[in-house]
């Protein structure tokens, strides 16, 4: 299940896997029946406590998720819906 959630973050929100694997339970909040996920620019990083991005790539490939093409598609979609400055600030893409 966590692999599928990681794939969704990469596909829907164009997140780099290095940022996805650094997410902790502190980035998740349940409030008023909604689940919120904070994707800030500085997630907590504890190298001994999370997957490497290359290991997550292998796990996503096993689920049939080819990340590079899907992430590029997600970026194009976001760029078509939001101003470029906002996309750049939200995703750290220049």
PDB file of N, CA and C in Angstrom:
ATOM      1  N   UNK A   1       0.812  -1.192   0.000  1.00  0.00           N
ATOM      2  CA  UNK A   1       0.000   0.000   0.000  1.00  0.00           C
ATOM      3  C   UNK A   1       0.865   1.270   0.000  1.00  0.00           C
ATOM      4  N   UNK A   2       1.958   1.260   0.778  1.00  0.00           N
ATOM      5  CA  UNK A   2       2.799   2.453   0.827  1.00  0.00           C
ATOM      6  C   UNK A   2       3.470   2.705  -0.521  1.00  0.00           C
ATOM      7  N   UNK A   3       3.777   1.637  -1.260  1.00  0.00           N
ATOM      8  CA  UNK A   3       4.367   1.815  -2.591  1.00  0.00           C
ATOM      9  C   UNK A   3       3.377   2.494  -3.532  1.00  0.00           C
ATOM     10  N   UNK A   4       2.121   2.111  -3.448  1.00  0.00           N
ATOM     11  CA  UNK A   4       1.106   2.724  -4.301  1.00  0.00           C
ATOM     12  C   UNK A   4       0.915   4.195  -3.937  1.00  0.00           C
ATOM     13  N   UNK A   5       0.935   4.505  -2.646  1.00  0.00           N
ATOM     14  CA  UNK A   5       0.818   5.907  -2.228  1.00  0.00           C
ATOM     15  C   UNK A   5       2.006   6.714  -2.744  1.00  0.00           C
ATOM     16  N   UNK A   6       3.195   6.136  -2.686  1.00  0.00           N
ATOM     17  CA  UNK A   6       4.385   6.819  -3.202  1.00  0.00           C
ATOM     18  C   UNK A   6       4.253   7.050  -4.705  1.00  0.00           C
ATOM     19  N   UNK A   7       3.747   6.059  -5.413  1.00  0.00           N
ATOM     20  CA  UNK A   7       3.528   6.201  -6.847  1.00  0.00           C
ATOM     21  C   UNK A   7       2.532   7.305  -7.156  1.00  0.00           C
ATOM     22  N   UNK A   8       1.477   7.396  -6.361  1.00  0.00           N
ATOM     23  CA  UNK A   8       0.479   8.455  -6.567  1.00  0.00           C
ATOM     24  C   UNK A   8       1.077   9.835  -6.339  1.00  0.00           C
ATOM     25  N   UNK A   9       1.925   9.966  -5.313  1.00  0.00           N
ATOM     26  CA  UNK A   9       2.568  11.268  -5.076  1.00  0.00           C
ATOM     27  C   UNK A   9       3.432  11.670  -6.263  1.00  0.00           C
ATOM     28  N   UNK A  10       4.126  10.696  -6.816  1.00  0.00           N
ATOM     29  CA  UNK A  10       4.984  10.985  -7.968  1.00  0.00           C
ATOM     30  C   UNK A  10       4.154  11.279  -9.215  1.00  0.00           C
ATOM     31  N   UNK A  11       3.095  10.512  -9.418  1.00  0.00           N
ATOM     32  CA  UNK A  11       2.295  10.670 -10.631  1.00  0.00           C
ATOM     33  C   UNK A  11       1.363  11.877 -10.586  1.00  0.00           C
ATOM     34  N   UNK A  12       0.684  12.069  -9.475  1.00  0.00           N
ATOM     35  CA  UNK A  12      -0.312  13.135  -9.399  1.00  0.00           C
ATOM     36  C   UNK A  12       0.273  14.493  -9.041  1.00  0.00           C
ATOM     37  N   UNK A  13       1.318  14.489  -8.217  1.00  0.00           N
ATOM     38  CA  UNK A  13       1.872  15.747  -7.743  1.00  0.00           C
ATOM     39  C   UNK A  13       3.296  15.991  -8.219  1.00  0.00           C
ATOM     40  N   UNK A  14       3.779  15.138  -9.127  1.00  0.00           N
ATOM     41  CA  UNK A  14       5.102  15.291  -9.742  1.00  0.00           C
ATOM     42  C   UNK A  14       6.212  15.434  -8.710  1.00  0.00           C
ATOM     43  N   UNK A  15       6.104  14.682  -7.627  1.00  0.00           N
ATOM     44  CA  UNK A  15       7.115  14.760  -6.576  1.00  0.00           C
ATOM     45  C   UNK A  15       8.322  13.893  -6.916  1.00  0.00           C
ATOM     46  N   UNK A  16       9.519  14.403  -6.643  1.00  0.00           N
ATOM     47  CA  UNK A  16      10.736  13.607  -6.803  1.00  0.00           C
ATOM     48  C   UNK A  16      10.726  12.504  -5.763  1.00  0.00           C
ATOM     49  N   UNK A  17      11.236  11.346  -6.134  1.00  0.00           N
ATOM     50  CA  UNK A  17      11.248  10.235  -5.190  1.00  0.00           C
ATOM     51  C   UNK A  17      12.131  10.515  -3.987  1.00  0.00           C
ATOM     52  N   UNK A  18      13.177  11.317  -4.168  1.00  0.00           N
ATOM     53  CA  UNK A  18      14.020  11.648  -3.020  1.00  0.00           C
ATOM     54  C   UNK A  18      13.225  12.414  -1.964  1.00  0.00           C
ATOM     55  N   UNK A  19      12.228  13.174  -2.377  1.00  0.00           N
ATOM     56  CA  UNK A  19      11.360  13.872  -1.421  1.00  0.00           C
ATOM     57  C   UNK A  19      10.313  12.924  -0.846  1.00  0.00           C
ATOM     58  N   UNK A  20       9.821  11.996  -1.666  1.00  0.00           N
ATOM     59  CA  UNK A  20       8.795  11.055  -1.203  1.00  0.00           C
ATOM     60  C   UNK A  20       9.356  10.140  -0.122  1.00  0.00           C
ATOM     61  N   UNK A  21      10.554   9.605  -0.331  1.00  0.00           N
ATOM     62  CA  UNK A  21      11.105   8.664   0.650  1.00  0.00           C
ATOM     63  C   UNK A  21      11.483   9.344   1.961  1.00  0.00           C
ATOM     64  N   UNK A  22      11.621  10.673   1.941  1.00  0.00           N
ATOM     65  CA  UNK A  22      11.974  11.398   3.160  1.00  0.00           C
ATOM     66  C   UNK A  22      10.753  11.782   3.992  1.00  0.00           C
ATOM     67  N   UNK A  23       9.541  11.534   3.485  1.00  0.00           N
ATOM     68  CA  UNK A  23       8.335  11.869   4.237  1.00  0.00           C
ATOM     69  C   UNK A  23       8.212  10.978   5.472  1.00  0.00           C
ATOM     70  N   UNK A  24       7.726  11.563   6.545  1.00  0.00           N
ATOM     71  CA  UNK A  24       7.505  10.823   7.782  1.00  0.00           C
ATOM     72  C   UNK A  24       6.036  10.935   8.163  1.00  0.00           C
ATOM     73  N   UNK A  25       5.652  10.250   9.218  1.00  0.00           N
ATOM     74  CA  UNK A  25       4.267  10.342   9.682  1.00  0.00           C
ATOM     75  C   UNK A  25       3.935  11.748  10.156  1.00  0.00           C
ATOM     76  N   UNK A  26       4.951  12.559  10.481  1.00  0.00           N
ATOM     77  CA  UNK A  26       4.711  13.940  10.889  1.00  0.00           C
ATOM     78  C   UNK A  26       4.198  14.799   9.735  1.00  0.00           C
ATOM     79  N   UNK A  27       4.362  14.323   8.498  1.00  0.00           N
ATOM     80  CA  UNK A  27       3.879  15.058   7.334  1.00  0.00           C
ATOM     81  C   UNK A  27       2.401  14.785   7.051  1.00  0.00           C
ATOM     82  N   UNK A  28       1.821  13.844   7.793  1.00  0.00           N
ATOM     83  CA  UNK A  28       0.413  13.469   7.598  1.00  0.00           C
ATOM     84  C   UNK A  28      -0.396  13.968   8.784  1.00  0.00           C
ATOM     85  N   UNK A  29      -1.543  14.569   8.478  1.00  0.00           N
ATOM     86  CA  UNK A  29      -2.422  15.069   9.530  1.00  0.00           C
ATOM     87  C   UNK A  29      -3.855  14.666   9.186  1.00  0.00           C
ATOM     88  N   UNK A  30      -4.567  14.195  10.176  1.00  0.00           N
ATOM     89  CA  UNK A  30      -5.981  13.871  10.003  1.00  0.00           C
ATOM     90  C   UNK A  30      -6.770  14.934  10.756  1.00  0.00           C
ATOM     91  N   UNK A  31      -7.584  15.680  10.014  1.00  0.00           N
ATOM     92  CA  UNK A  31      -8.354  16.768  10.622  1.00  0.00           C
ATOM     93  C   UNK A  31      -9.753  16.819  10.021  1.00  0.00           C
ATOM     94  N   UNK A  32     -10.744  16.820  10.872  1.00  0.00           N
ATOM     95  CA  UNK A  32     -12.149  16.929  10.434  1.00  0.00           C
ATOM     96  C   UNK A  32     -12.490  15.924   9.330  1.00  0.00           C
ATOM     97  N   UNK A  33     -12.048  14.698   9.496  1.00  0.00           N
ATOM     98  CA  UNK A  33     -12.377  13.656   8.538  1.00  0.00           C
ATOM     99  C   UNK A  33     -11.586  13.682   7.242  1.00  0.00           C
ATOM    100  N   UNK A  34     -10.620  14.584   7.137  1.00  0.00           N
ATOM    101  CA  UNK A  34      -9.791  14.667   5.930  1.00  0.00           C
ATOM    102  C   UNK A  34      -8.351  14.304   6.277  1.00  0.00           C
ATOM    103  N   UNK A  35      -7.684  13.679   5.338  1.00  0.00           N
ATOM    104  CA  UNK A  35      -6.270  13.359   5.507  1.00  0.00           C
ATOM    105  C   UNK A  35      -5.471  14.391   4.724  1.00  0.00           C
ATOM    106  N   UNK A  36      -4.581  15.088   5.421  1.00  0.00           N
ATOM    107  CA  UNK A  36      -3.769  16.128   4.807  1.00  0.00           C
ATOM    108  C   UNK A  36      -2.317  15.675   4.763  1.00  0.00           C
ATOM    109  N   UNK A  37      -1.626  16.020   3.687  1.00  0.00           N
ATOM    110  CA  UNK A  37      -0.224  15.667   3.532  1.00  0.00           C
ATOM    111  C   UNK A  37       0.565  16.929   3.247  1.00  0.00           C
ATOM    112  N   UNK A  38       1.526  17.221   4.099  1.00  0.00           N
ATOM    113  CA  UNK A  38       2.352  18.412   3.919  1.00  0.00           C
ATOM    114  C   UNK A  38       3.563  18.034   3.070  1.00  0.00           C
ATOM    115  N   UNK A  39       3.649  18.653   1.898  1.00  0.00           N
ATOM    116  CA  UNK A  39       4.771  18.426   0.986  1.00  0.00           C
ATOM    117  C   UNK A  39       5.627  19.686   0.943  1.00  0.00           C
ATOM    118  N   UNK A  40       6.170  20.064   2.093  1.00  0.00           N
ATOM    119  CA  UNK A  40       6.981  21.270   2.186  1.00  0.00           C
ATOM    120  C   UNK A  40       8.321  21.108   1.510  1.00  0.00           C
ATOM    121  N   UNK A  41       9.057  22.213   1.426  1.00  0.00           N
ATOM    122  CA  UNK A  41      10.366  22.190   0.781  1.00  0.00           C
ATOM    123  C   UNK A  41      11.427  21.532   1.645  1.00  0.00           C
ATOM    124  N   UNK A  42      11.187  21.424   2.945  1.00  0.00           N
ATOM    125  CA  UNK A  42      12.220  20.868   3.820  1.00  0.00           C
ATOM    126  C   UNK A  42      11.617  19.744   4.667  1.00  0.00           C
ATOM    127  N   UNK A  43      11.363  18.551   4.069  1.00  0.00           N
ATOM    128  CA  UNK A  43      10.849  17.432   4.893  1.00  0.00           C
ATOM    129  C   UNK A  43      11.942  16.900   5.797  1.00  0.00           C
ATOM    130  N   UNK A  44      11.554  16.331   6.900  1.00  0.00           N
ATOM    131  CA  UNK A  44      12.547  15.742   7.799  1.00  0.00           C
ATOM    132  C   UNK A  44      13.296  14.610   7.106  1.00  0.00           C
ATOM    133  N   UNK A  45      14.602  14.546   7.280  1.00  0.00           N
ATOM    134  CA  UNK A  45      15.409  13.511   6.630  1.00  0.00           C
ATOM    135  C   UNK A  45      16.216  12.749   7.670  1.00  0.00           C
ATOM    136  N   UNK A  46      15.952  11.470   7.747  1.00  0.00           N
ATOM    137  CA  UNK A  46      16.700  10.586   8.620  1.00  0.00           C
ATOM    138  C   UNK A  46      17.133   9.404   7.761  1.00  0.00           C
ATOM    139  N   UNK A  47      18.336   9.471   7.141  1.00  0.00           N
ATOM    140  CA  UNK A  47      18.760   8.482   6.148  1.00  0.00           C
ATOM    141  C   UNK A  47      18.644   7.035   6.597  1.00  0.00           C
ATOM    142  N   UNK A  48      18.777   6.778   7.876  1.00  0.00           N
ATOM    143  CA  UNK A  48      18.696   5.387   8.319  1.00  0.00           C
ATOM    144  C   UNK A  48      17.261   4.914   8.501  1.00  0.00           C
ATOM    145  N   UNK A  49      16.283   5.787   8.287  1.00  0.00           N
ATOM    146  CA  UNK A  49      14.907   5.413   8.549  1.00  0.00           C
ATOM    147  C   UNK A  49      13.992   5.422   7.328  1.00  0.00           C
ATOM    148  N   UNK A  50      14.536   5.654   6.144  1.00  0.00           N
ATOM    149  CA  UNK A  50      13.645   5.620   4.980  1.00  0.00           C
ATOM    150  C   UNK A  50      14.310   4.899   3.813  1.00  0.00           C
ATOM    151  N   UNK A  51      13.496   4.570   2.816  1.00  0.00           N
ATOM    152  CA  UNK A  51      13.986   3.911   1.607  1.00  0.00           C
ATOM    153  C   UNK A  51      14.877   4.849   0.810  1.00  0.00           C
ATOM    154  N   UNK A  52      15.704   4.260  -0.024  1.00  0.00           N
ATOM    155  CA  UNK A  52      16.413   5.091  -0.998  1.00  0.00           C
ATOM    156  C   UNK A  52      15.484   5.281  -2.193  1.00  0.00           C
ATOM    157  N   UNK A  53      15.696   6.352  -2.941  1.00  0.00           N
ATOM    158  CA  UNK A  53      14.841   6.594  -4.097  1.00  0.00           C
ATOM    159  C   UNK A  53      15.024   5.501  -5.146  1.00  0.00           C
ATOM    160  N   UNK A  54      16.240   4.956  -5.276  1.00  0.00           N
ATOM    161  CA  UNK A  54      16.456   3.891  -6.259  1.00  0.00           C
ATOM    162  C   UNK A  54      15.707   2.617  -5.869  1.00  0.00           C
ATOM    163  N   UNK A  55      15.627   2.335  -4.567  1.00  0.00           N
ATOM    164  CA  UNK A  55      14.862   1.161  -4.140  1.00  0.00           C
ATOM    165  C   UNK A  55      13.370   1.377  -4.398  1.00  0.00           C
ATOM    166  N   UNK A  56      12.894   2.599  -4.168  1.00  0.00           N
ATOM    167  CA  UNK A  56      11.493   2.879  -4.447  1.00  0.00           C
ATOM    168  C   UNK A  56      11.199   2.772  -5.934  1.00  0.00           C
ATOM    169  N   UNK A  57      12.124   3.195  -6.796  1.00  0.00           N
ATOM    170  CA  UNK A  57      11.947   3.045  -8.247  1.00  0.00           C
ATOM    171  C   UNK A  57      11.749   1.577  -8.591  1.00  0.00           C
ATOM    172  N   UNK A  58      12.578   0.705  -8.033  1.00  0.00           N
ATOM    173  CA  UNK A  58      12.439  -0.737  -8.304  1.00  0.00           C
ATOM    174  C   UNK A  58      11.076  -1.251  -7.846  1.00  0.00           C
ATOM    175  N   UNK A  59      10.643  -0.806  -6.688  1.00  0.00           N
ATOM    176  CA  UNK A  59       9.353  -1.261  -6.178  1.00  0.00           C
ATOM    177  C   UNK A  59       8.199  -0.742  -7.037  1.00  0.00           C
ATOM    178  N   UNK A  60       8.300   0.495  -7.510  1.00  0.00           N
ATOM    179  CA  UNK A  60       7.257   1.044  -8.383  1.00  0.00           C
ATOM    180  C   UNK A  60       7.250   0.341  -9.734  1.00  0.00           C
ATOM    181  N   UNK A  61       8.425  -0.006 -10.245  1.00  0.00           N
ATOM    182  CA  UNK A  61       8.497  -0.762 -11.503  1.00  0.00           C
ATOM    183  C   UNK A  61       7.777  -2.101 -11.359  1.00  0.00           C
ATOM    184  N   UNK A  62       7.917  -2.716 -10.187  1.00  0.00           N
ATOM    185  CA  UNK A  62       7.233  -3.994  -9.947  1.00  0.00           C
ATOM    186  C   UNK A  62       5.717  -3.833  -9.987  1.00  0.00           C
ATOM    187  N   UNK A  63       5.229  -2.623  -9.685  1.00  0.00           N
ATOM    188  CA  UNK A  63       3.791  -2.335  -9.752  1.00  0.00           C
ATOM    189  C   UNK A  63       3.362  -1.868 -11.141  1.00  0.00           C
ATOM    190  N   UNK A  64       4.325  -1.767 -12.063  1.00  0.00           N
ATOM    191  CA  UNK A  64       4.015  -1.331 -13.416  1.00  0.00           C
ATOM    192  C   UNK A  64       4.025   0.178 -13.583  1.00  0.00           C
ATOM    193  N   UNK A  65       4.568   0.893 -12.617  1.00  0.00           N
ATOM    194  CA  UNK A  65       4.617   2.359 -12.686  1.00  0.00           C
ATOM    195  C   UNK A  65       5.971   2.769 -13.231  1.00  0.00           C
ATOM    196  N   UNK A  66       5.972   3.377 -14.423  1.00  0.00           N
ATOM    197  CA  UNK A  66       7.190   3.892 -15.053  1.00  0.00           C
ATOM    198  C   UNK A  66       7.223   5.382 -14.783  1.00  0.00           C
ATOM    199  N   UNK A  67       8.028   5.759 -13.848  1.00  0.00           N
ATOM    200  CA  UNK A  67       7.949   7.069 -13.248  1.00  0.00           C
ATOM    201  C   UNK A  67       8.350   8.231 -14.138  1.00  0.00           C
ATOM    202  N   UNK A  68       9.418   8.107 -14.891  1.00  0.00           N
ATOM    203  CA  UNK A  68       9.928   9.260 -15.636  1.00  0.00           C
ATOM    204  C   UNK A  68       8.870   9.821 -16.588  1.00  0.00           C
ATOM    205  N   UNK A  69       8.268   8.967 -17.396  1.00  0.00           N
ATOM    206  CA  UNK A  69       7.272   9.435 -18.356  1.00  0.00           C
ATOM    207  C   UNK A  69       6.031   9.962 -17.639  1.00  0.00           C
ATOM    208  N   UNK A  70       5.601   9.263 -16.615  1.00  0.00           N
ATOM    209  CA  UNK A  70       4.409   9.680 -15.885  1.00  0.00           C
ATOM    210  C   UNK A  70       4.642  10.997 -15.160  1.00  0.00           C
ATOM    211  N   UNK A  71       5.829  11.175 -14.585  1.00  0.00           N
ATOM    212  CA  UNK A  71       6.137  12.423 -13.884  1.00  0.00           C
ATOM    213  C   UNK A  71       6.175  13.592 -14.864  1.00  0.00           C
ATOM    214  N   UNK A  72       6.772  13.370 -16.032  1.00  0.00           N
ATOM    215  CA  UNK A  72       6.805  14.432 -17.039  1.00  0.00           C
ATOM    216  C   UNK A  72       5.393  14.824 -17.468  1.00  0.00           C
ATOM    217  N   UNK A  73       4.531  13.840 -17.627  1.00  0.00           N
ATOM    218  CA  UNK A  73       3.139  14.110 -17.984  1.00  0.00           C
ATOM    219  C   UNK A  73       2.452  14.907 -16.884  1.00  0.00           C
ATOM    220  N   UNK A  74       2.690  14.536 -15.621  1.00  0.00           N
ATOM    221  CA  UNK A  74       2.097  15.258 -14.501  1.00  0.00           C
ATOM    222  C   UNK A  74       2.590  16.702 -14.456  1.00  0.00           C
ATOM    223  N   UNK A  75       3.875  16.917 -14.730  1.00  0.00           N
ATOM    224  CA  UNK A  75       4.430  18.274 -14.750  1.00  0.00           C
ATOM    225  C   UNK A  75       3.785  19.127 -15.838  1.00  0.00           C
ATOM    226  N   UNK A  76       3.610  18.550 -17.014  1.00  0.00           N
ATOM    227  CA  UNK A  76       2.968  19.282 -18.114  1.00  0.00           C
ATOM    228  C   UNK A  76       1.535  19.636 -17.737  1.00  0.00           C
ATOM    229  N   UNK A  77       0.836  18.717 -17.122  1.00  0.00           N
ATOM    230  CA  UNK A  77      -0.548  18.962 -16.703  1.00  0.00           C
ATOM    231  C   UNK A  77      -0.613  20.069 -15.651  1.00  0.00           C
ATOM    232  N   UNK A  78       0.263  20.002 -14.661  1.00  0.00           N
ATOM    233  CA  UNK A  78       0.293  21.058 -13.648  1.00  0.00           C
ATOM    234  C   UNK A  78       0.623  22.407 -14.269  1.00  0.00           C
ATOM    235  N   UNK A  79       1.587  22.415 -15.168  1.00  0.00           N
ATOM    236  CA  UNK A  79       2.000  23.666 -15.809  1.00  0.00           C
ATOM    237  C   UNK A  79       0.879  24.264 -16.648  1.00  0.00           C
ATOM    238  N   UNK A  80       0.014  23.420 -17.177  1.00  0.00           N
ATOM    239  CA  UNK A  80      -1.094  23.943 -17.978  1.00  0.00           C
ATOM    240  C   UNK A  80      -2.211  24.521 -17.116  1.00  0.00           C
ATOM    241  N   UNK A  81      -2.254  24.128 -15.834  1.00  0.00           N
ATOM    242  CA  UNK A  81      -3.320  24.580 -14.947  1.00  0.00           C
ATOM    243  C   UNK A  81      -2.908  25.703 -14.006  1.00  0.00           C
ATOM    244  N   UNK A  82      -1.611  25.843 -13.755  1.00  0.00           N
ATOM    245  CA  UNK A  82      -1.122  26.829 -12.794  1.00  0.00           C
ATOM    246  C   UNK A  82      -0.118  27.762 -13.449  1.00  0.00           C
ATOM    247  N   UNK A  83       0.035  28.959 -12.904  1.00  0.00           N
ATOM    248  CA  UNK A  83       1.090  29.843 -13.415  1.00  0.00           C
ATOM    249  C   UNK A  83       2.474  29.216 -13.183  1.00  0.00           C
ATOM    250  N   UNK A  84       3.394  29.460 -14.102  1.00  0.00           N
ATOM    251  CA  UNK A  84       4.727  28.859 -14.032  1.00  0.00           C
ATOM    252  C   UNK A  84       5.432  29.166 -12.720  1.00  0.00           C
ATOM    253  N   UNK A  85       5.274  30.374 -12.214  1.00  0.00           N
ATOM    254  CA  UNK A  85       5.928  30.754 -10.958  1.00  0.00           C
ATOM    255  C   UNK A  85       5.439  29.884  -9.806  1.00  0.00           C
ATOM    256  N   UNK A  86       4.139  29.600  -9.787  1.00  0.00           N
ATOM    257  CA  UNK A  86       3.577  28.783  -8.724  1.00  0.00           C
ATOM    258  C   UNK A  86       4.090  27.342  -8.820  1.00  0.00           C
ATOM    259  N   UNK A  87       4.132  26.793 -10.023  1.00  0.00           N
ATOM    260  CA  UNK A  87       4.644  25.425 -10.220  1.00  0.00           C
ATOM    261  C   UNK A  87       6.090  25.362  -9.748  1.00  0.00           C
ATOM    262  N   UNK A  88       6.881  26.347 -10.106  1.00  0.00           N
ATOM    263  CA  UNK A  88       8.283  26.385  -9.714  1.00  0.00           C
ATOM    264  C   UNK A  88       8.435  26.397  -8.204  1.00  0.00           C
ATOM    265  N   UNK A  89       7.665  27.230  -7.528  1.00  0.00           N
ATOM    266  CA  UNK A  89       7.764  27.334  -6.068  1.00  0.00           C
ATOM    267  C   UNK A  89       7.246  26.081  -5.376  1.00  0.00           C
ATOM    268  N   UNK A  90       6.152  25.525  -5.854  1.00  0.00           N
ATOM    269  CA  UNK A  90       5.569  24.351  -5.222  1.00  0.00           C
ATOM    270  C   UNK A  90       6.428  23.110  -5.359  1.00  0.00           C
ATOM    271  N   UNK A  91       7.033  22.941  -6.544  1.00  0.00           N
ATOM    272  CA  UNK A  91       7.741  21.700  -6.828  1.00  0.00           C
ATOM    273  C   UNK A  91       9.256  21.821  -6.828  1.00  0.00           C
ATOM    274  N   UNK A  92       9.744  23.027  -6.702  1.00  0.00           N
ATOM    275  CA  UNK A  92      11.192  23.217  -6.748  1.00  0.00           C
ATOM    276  C   UNK A  92      11.755  22.964  -8.122  1.00  0.00           C
ATOM    277  N   UNK A  93      10.935  23.171  -9.157  1.00  0.00           N
ATOM    278  CA  UNK A  93      11.341  22.959 -10.548  1.00  0.00           C
ATOM    279  C   UNK A  93      11.697  24.311 -11.148  1.00  0.00           C
ATOM    280  N   UNK A  94      12.839  24.376 -11.810  1.00  0.00           N
ATOM    281  CA  UNK A  94      13.271  25.631 -12.423  1.00  0.00           C
ATOM    282  C   UNK A  94      13.369  25.484 -13.922  1.00  0.00           C
TER     283      UNK A  94
END
